[in-house]
Amino acid sequence: MLKVAVIIGNPQPNSRTGKIAEMVAKTLLVGQPVDIAVIELADYASELFSRDSKRAAGLAEQVASCDLVVFASPTYKACFTGLLKAFLDRYDNNGLRGVTAIAVMTGGNAAHELAPTVTLVPLLMELGAIVPVKGLFFVVGEGADLEALVGSQGQELRLAFGRLAKLSSAFLPAAA
């Protein structure tokens, strides 16, 4: 069974950003047996800034042991939140080695649609994560149809991962 986490860097719990991130994970893995841990970083806010926090350290270890992690944040000043940055700062270089990561960001308009690709994806790669696709950006406003927003990008994500799976089989050792 795949071990999956959705890390939500929104300071406000139960946000549209969080809902979208969960939907991305579920859309990508539809029909697969998975264990999805949804982690609201807002619940750990005071501990993320303390290097001595055992709870935050345990959370970082849990995430580093996942097969797939969706990292999600609203766009603040053309970037991801400080809350998500504080969490990611807990890792050394290659601290996410072996984790496949998807960067998801939300915003009020398309002006920052490159933000996940130019801000969050490079950080995840610096930490050793495998980031197989560009960052996903969702324009969310009041009354936005979240299912429709995720549906089209989720399908593209599934197709991209399918192509990667086909390619990766070429690198597997032949059965003896």
C-alpha atoms as a PDB file:
ATOM      1  CA  MET A   1       0.000   0.000   0.000  1.00  0.00           C
ATOM      2  CA  LEU A   2       1.287   3.437  -0.891  1.00  0.00           C
ATOM      3  CA  LYS A   3       1.983   5.817   1.949  1.00  0.00           C
ATOM      4  CA  VAL A   4       0.811   9.316   1.039  1.00  0.00           C
ATOM      5  CA  ALA A   5       0.755  12.631   2.893  1.00  0.00           C
ATOM      6  CA  VAL A   6      -0.931  15.912   2.110  1.00  0.00           C
ATOM      7  CA  ILE A   7       0.901  18.793   3.797  1.00  0.00           C
ATOM      8  CA  ILE A   8      -1.207  21.923   4.027  1.00  0.00           C
ATOM      9  CA  GLY A   9       0.741  25.131   4.641  1.00  0.00           C
ATOM     10  CA  ASN A  10      -2.274  27.392   5.061  1.00  0.00           C
ATOM     11  CA  PRO A  11      -2.329  29.222   8.414  1.00  0.00           C
ATOM     12  CA  GLN A  12      -6.119  28.784   8.388  1.00  0.00           C
ATOM     13  CA  PRO A  13      -7.223  25.163   8.980  1.00  0.00           C
ATOM     14  CA  ASN A  14      -9.914  23.612   6.770  1.00  0.00           C
ATOM     15  CA  SER A  15      -9.051  25.874   3.847  1.00  0.00           C
ATOM     16  CA  ARG A  16      -9.864  25.621   0.156  1.00  0.00           C
ATOM     17  CA  THR A  17      -6.126  25.056  -0.391  1.00  0.00           C
ATOM     18  CA  GLY A  18      -6.326  21.989   1.848  1.00  0.00           C
ATOM     19  CA  LYS A  19      -9.430  20.669   0.141  1.00  0.00           C
ATOM     20  CA  ILE A  20      -7.800  21.060  -3.271  1.00  0.00           C
ATOM     21  CA  ALA A  21      -4.606  19.314  -2.124  1.00  0.00           C
ATOM     22  CA  GLU A  22      -6.602  16.350  -0.799  1.00  0.00           C
ATOM     23  CA  MET A  23      -8.561  16.197  -4.049  1.00  0.00           C
ATOM     24  CA  VAL A  24      -5.324  16.206  -6.074  1.00  0.00           C
ATOM     25  CA  ALA A  25      -4.002  13.233  -4.088  1.00  0.00           C
ATOM     26  CA  LYS A  26      -7.274  11.314  -4.365  1.00  0.00           C
ATOM     27  CA  THR A  27      -7.645  12.090  -8.087  1.00  0.00           C
ATOM     28  CA  LEU A  28      -4.125  10.909  -8.812  1.00  0.00           C
ATOM     29  CA  LEU A  29      -4.524   7.706  -6.817  1.00  0.00           C
ATOM     30  CA  VAL A  30      -8.130   6.815  -7.614  1.00  0.00           C
ATOM     31  CA  GLY A  31      -8.634   3.066  -7.377  1.00  0.00           C
ATOM     32  CA  GLN A  32      -5.324   2.494  -5.583  1.00  0.00           C
ATOM     33  CA  PRO A  33      -5.028   1.193  -2.023  1.00  0.00           C
ATOM     34  CA  VAL A  34      -3.487   4.132  -0.173  1.00  0.00           C
ATOM     35  CA  ASP A  35      -3.071   5.470   3.309  1.00  0.00           C
ATOM     36  CA  ILE A  36      -3.410   9.274   3.074  1.00  0.00           C
ATOM     37  CA  ALA A  37      -2.338  11.364   6.068  1.00  0.00           C
ATOM     38  CA  VAL A  38      -3.685  14.907   5.888  1.00  0.00           C
ATOM     39  CA  ILE A  39      -1.497  17.239   7.924  1.00  0.00           C
ATOM     40  CA  GLU A  40      -2.537  20.805   8.663  1.00  0.00           C
ATOM     41  CA  LEU A  41       0.657  22.666   9.539  1.00  0.00           C
ATOM     42  CA  ALA A  42      -1.474  25.268  11.338  1.00  0.00           C
ATOM     43  CA  ASP A  43      -1.961  22.615  14.046  1.00  0.00           C
ATOM     44  CA  TYR A  44       1.820  22.583  14.578  1.00  0.00           C
ATOM     45  CA  ALA A  45       2.516  26.304  14.076  1.00  0.00           C
ATOM     46  CA  SER A  46       4.145  27.079  17.413  1.00  0.00           C
ATOM     47  CA  GLU A  47       6.240  23.910  17.292  1.00  0.00           C
ATOM     48  CA  LEU A  48       7.557  24.356  13.747  1.00  0.00           C
ATOM     49  CA  PHE A  49       9.695  27.260  14.865  1.00  0.00           C
ATOM     50  CA  SER A  50      11.259  25.306  17.726  1.00  0.00           C
ATOM     51  CA  ARG A  51      14.179  23.068  16.762  1.00  0.00           C
ATOM     52  CA  ASP A  52      13.657  21.133  20.014  1.00  0.00           C
ATOM     53  CA  SER A  53      10.070  20.124  19.250  1.00  0.00           C
ATOM     54  CA  LYS A  54       9.814  16.332  19.284  1.00  0.00           C
ATOM     55  CA  ARG A  55       6.319  16.511  17.805  1.00  0.00           C
ATOM     56  CA  ALA A  56       7.501  18.549  14.793  1.00  0.00           C
ATOM     57  CA  ALA A  57      10.544  16.287  14.375  1.00  0.00           C
ATOM     58  CA  GLY A  58       8.261  13.243  14.384  1.00  0.00           C
ATOM     59  CA  LEU A  59       6.055  14.879  11.786  1.00  0.00           C
ATOM     60  CA  ALA A  60       9.068  15.558   9.555  1.00  0.00           C
ATOM     61  CA  GLU A  61      10.178  11.916   9.884  1.00  0.00           C
ATOM     62  CA  GLN A  62       6.673  10.703   9.039  1.00  0.00           C
ATOM     63  CA  VAL A  63       6.575  12.814   5.870  1.00  0.00           C
ATOM     64  CA  ALA A  64      10.088  11.752   4.804  1.00  0.00           C
ATOM     65  CA  SER A  65       8.977   8.110   4.958  1.00  0.00           C
ATOM     66  CA  CYS A  66       6.121   8.615   2.477  1.00  0.00           C
ATOM     67  CA  ASP A  67       6.025   7.437  -1.112  1.00  0.00           C
ATOM     68  CA  LEU A  68       4.143  10.531  -2.297  1.00  0.00           C
ATOM     69  CA  VAL A  69       3.602  13.914  -0.669  1.00  0.00           C
ATOM     70  CA  VAL A  70       1.413  16.743  -1.910  1.00  0.00           C
ATOM     71  CA  PHE A  71       2.785  20.022  -0.530  1.00  0.00           C
ATOM     72  CA  ALA A  72       0.141  22.753  -0.675  1.00  0.00           C
ATOM     73  CA  SER A  73       0.080  26.442   0.146  1.00  0.00           C
ATOM     74  CA  PRO A  74      -1.893  29.539  -0.684  1.00  0.00           C
ATOM     75  CA  THR A  75       0.120  32.202  -2.482  1.00  0.00           C
ATOM     76  CA  TYR A  76       1.410  34.891  -0.113  1.00  0.00           C
ATOM     77  CA  LYS A  77       3.472  37.682  -1.685  1.00  0.00           C
ATOM     78  CA  ALA A  78       4.081  35.567  -4.823  1.00  0.00           C
ATOM     79  CA  CYS A  79       5.429  32.648  -2.778  1.00  0.00           C
ATOM     80  CA  PHE A  80       4.371  29.803  -0.493  1.00  0.00           C
ATOM     81  CA  THR A  81       3.685  30.530   3.165  1.00  0.00           C
ATOM     82  CA  GLY A  82       6.244  30.919   5.923  1.00  0.00           C
ATOM     83  CA  LEU A  83       4.477  28.079   7.717  1.00  0.00           C
ATOM     84  CA  LEU A  84       5.347  25.660   4.911  1.00  0.00           C
ATOM     85  CA  LYS A  85       8.885  27.094   4.716  1.00  0.00           C
ATOM     86  CA  ALA A  86       9.366  26.587   8.459  1.00  0.00           C
ATOM     87  CA  PHE A  87       8.322  22.947   8.070  1.00  0.00           C
ATOM     88  CA  LEU A  88      10.601  22.351   5.072  1.00  0.00           C
ATOM     89  CA  ASP A  89      13.499  24.031   6.897  1.00  0.00           C
ATOM     90  CA  ARG A  90      13.509  21.052   9.272  1.00  0.00           C
ATOM     91  CA  TYR A  91      15.114  18.946   6.505  1.00  0.00           C
ATOM     92  CA  ASP A  92      18.763  18.838   5.534  1.00  0.00           C
ATOM     93  CA  ASN A  93      19.739  18.567   1.874  1.00  0.00           C
ATOM     94  CA  ASN A  94      18.356  15.276   0.578  1.00  0.00           C
ATOM     95  CA  GLY A  95      16.084  14.987   3.623  1.00  0.00           C
ATOM     96  CA  LEU A  96      13.231  14.101   1.270  1.00  0.00           C
ATOM     97  CA  ARG A  97      15.306  11.713  -0.852  1.00  0.00           C
ATOM     98  CA  GLY A  98      13.086   9.014  -2.324  1.00  0.00           C
ATOM     99  CA  VAL A  99       9.869  10.979  -1.777  1.00  0.00           C
ATOM    100  CA  THR A 100       7.858  11.855  -4.858  1.00  0.00           C
ATOM    101  CA  ALA A 101       6.451  15.348  -4.380  1.00  0.00           C
ATOM    102  CA  ILE A 102       3.736  17.420  -5.998  1.00  0.00           C
ATOM    103  CA  ALA A 103       3.704  21.175  -5.442  1.00  0.00           C
ATOM    104  CA  VAL A 104       0.252  22.767  -5.238  1.00  0.00           C
ATOM    105  CA  MET A 105      -0.501  26.439  -4.729  1.00  0.00           C
ATOM    106  CA  THR A 106      -3.694  28.461  -4.813  1.00  0.00           C
ATOM    107  CA  GLY A 107      -4.380  32.122  -5.461  1.00  0.00           C
ATOM    108  CA  GLY A 108      -7.095  34.641  -6.189  1.00  0.00           C
ATOM    109  CA  ASN A 109      -6.080  35.131  -9.820  1.00  0.00           C
ATOM    110  CA  ALA A 110      -3.713  33.747 -12.423  1.00  0.00           C
ATOM    111  CA  ALA A 111      -1.053  36.431 -11.866  1.00  0.00           C
ATOM    112  CA  HIS A 112       0.999  33.993  -9.772  1.00  0.00           C
ATOM    113  CA  GLU A 113       0.403  30.771 -11.693  1.00  0.00           C
ATOM    114  CA  LEU A 114       4.137  30.115 -12.027  1.00  0.00           C
ATOM    115  CA  ALA A 115       4.696  30.465  -8.263  1.00  0.00           C
ATOM    116  CA  PRO A 116       4.649  26.741  -7.439  1.00  0.00           C
ATOM    117  CA  THR A 117       7.017  25.917 -10.285  1.00  0.00           C
ATOM    118  CA  VAL A 118       9.522  28.700  -9.622  1.00  0.00           C
ATOM    119  CA  THR A 119       9.400  28.819  -5.805  1.00  0.00           C
ATOM    120  CA  LEU A 120       8.241  25.534  -4.267  1.00  0.00           C
ATOM    121  CA  VAL A 121       9.462  22.974  -6.818  1.00  0.00           C
ATOM    122  CA  PRO A 122      13.140  24.085  -6.630  1.00  0.00           C
ATOM    123  CA  LEU A 123      13.077  23.881  -2.827  1.00  0.00           C
ATOM    124  CA  LEU A 124      11.586  20.379  -2.912  1.00  0.00           C
ATOM    125  CA  MET A 125      14.246  19.326  -5.409  1.00  0.00           C
ATOM    126  CA  GLU A 126      16.981  20.849  -3.218  1.00  0.00           C
ATOM    127  CA  LEU A 127      15.685  18.642  -0.414  1.00  0.00           C
ATOM    128  CA  GLY A 128      16.081  15.591  -2.641  1.00  0.00           C
ATOM    129  CA  ALA A 129      12.437  15.002  -3.529  1.00  0.00           C
ATOM    130  CA  ILE A 130      11.529  13.625  -6.931  1.00  0.00           C
ATOM    131  CA  VAL A 131       9.298  16.253  -8.554  1.00  0.00           C
ATOM    132  CA  PRO A 132       8.071  14.694 -11.794  1.00  0.00           C
ATOM    133  CA  VAL A 133       5.704  17.468 -12.937  1.00  0.00           C
ATOM    134  CA  LYS A 134       5.512  21.237 -12.849  1.00  0.00           C
ATOM    135  CA  GLY A 135       3.800  22.831  -9.890  1.00  0.00           C
ATOM    136  CA  LEU A 136       0.021  22.981  -9.971  1.00  0.00           C
ATOM    137  CA  PHE A 137      -1.722  26.329  -9.500  1.00  0.00           C
ATOM    138  CA  PHE A 138      -5.424  26.734  -8.850  1.00  0.00           C
ATOM    139  CA  VAL A 139      -7.299  30.026  -9.066  1.00  0.00           C
ATOM    140  CA  VAL A 140      -9.794  29.935  -6.227  1.00  0.00           C
ATOM    141  CA  GLY A 141     -12.396  32.555  -5.544  1.00  0.00           C
ATOM    142  CA  GLU A 142     -15.637  32.619  -3.643  1.00  0.00           C
ATOM    143  CA  GLY A 143     -17.971  29.994  -5.056  1.00  0.00           C
ATOM    144  CA  ALA A 144     -15.227  28.294  -7.092  1.00  0.00           C
ATOM    145  CA  ASP A 145     -16.120  24.774  -8.218  1.00  0.00           C
ATOM    146  CA  LEU A 146     -13.203  22.949  -6.620  1.00  0.00           C
ATOM    147  CA  GLU A 147     -14.020  19.615  -8.257  1.00  0.00           C
ATOM    148  CA  ALA A 148     -13.955  21.185 -11.710  1.00  0.00           C
ATOM    149  CA  LEU A 149     -10.696  22.989 -10.919  1.00  0.00           C
ATOM    150  CA  VAL A 150      -8.972  19.809  -9.816  1.00  0.00           C
ATOM    151  CA  GLY A 151     -10.605  17.550 -12.397  1.00  0.00           C
ATOM    152  CA  SER A 152      -8.782  18.791 -15.479  1.00  0.00           C
ATOM    153  CA  GLN A 153      -5.365  19.172 -13.844  1.00  0.00           C
ATOM    154  CA  GLY A 154      -5.838  15.903 -11.984  1.00  0.00           C
ATOM    155  CA  GLN A 155      -6.426  14.066 -15.242  1.00  0.00           C
ATOM    156  CA  GLU A 156      -3.274  15.609 -16.739  1.00  0.00           C
ATOM    157  CA  LEU A 157      -1.372  14.566 -13.621  1.00  0.00           C
ATOM    158  CA  ARG A 158      -2.622  10.982 -13.941  1.00  0.00           C
ATOM    159  CA  LEU A 159      -1.542  10.909 -17.600  1.00  0.00           C
ATOM    160  CA  ALA A 160       1.922  12.260 -16.723  1.00  0.00           C
ATOM    161  CA  PHE A 161       2.404   9.678 -13.978  1.00  0.00           C
ATOM    162  CA  GLY A 162       1.186   6.961 -16.343  1.00  0.00           C
ATOM    163  CA  ARG A 163       3.794   7.957 -18.904  1.00  0.00           C
ATOM    164  CA  LEU A 164       6.460   7.958 -16.184  1.00  0.00           C
ATOM    165  CA  ALA A 165       5.383   4.497 -15.015  1.00  0.00           C
ATOM    166  CA  LYS A 166       5.738   3.169 -18.539  1.00  0.00           C
ATOM    167  CA  LEU A 167       9.190   4.715 -18.852  1.00  0.00           C
ATOM    168  CA  SER A 168      10.315   3.566 -15.404  1.00  0.00           C
ATOM    169  CA  SER A 169       9.665  -0.071 -16.289  1.00  0.00           C
ATOM    170  CA  ALA A 170      12.561   0.218 -18.752  1.00  0.00           C
ATOM    171  CA  PHE A 171      14.900   0.890 -15.818  1.00  0.00           C
ATOM    172  CA  LEU A 172      13.811  -2.013 -13.626  1.00  0.00           C
ATOM    173  CA  PRO A 173      16.155  -5.000 -13.491  1.00  0.00           C
ATOM    174  CA  ALA A 174      15.049  -7.980 -15.523  1.00  0.00           C
ATOM    175  CA  ALA A 175      13.482 -10.838 -13.558  1.00  0.00           C
ATOM    176  CA  ALA A 176      15.939 -13.678 -12.985  1.00  0.00           C
END
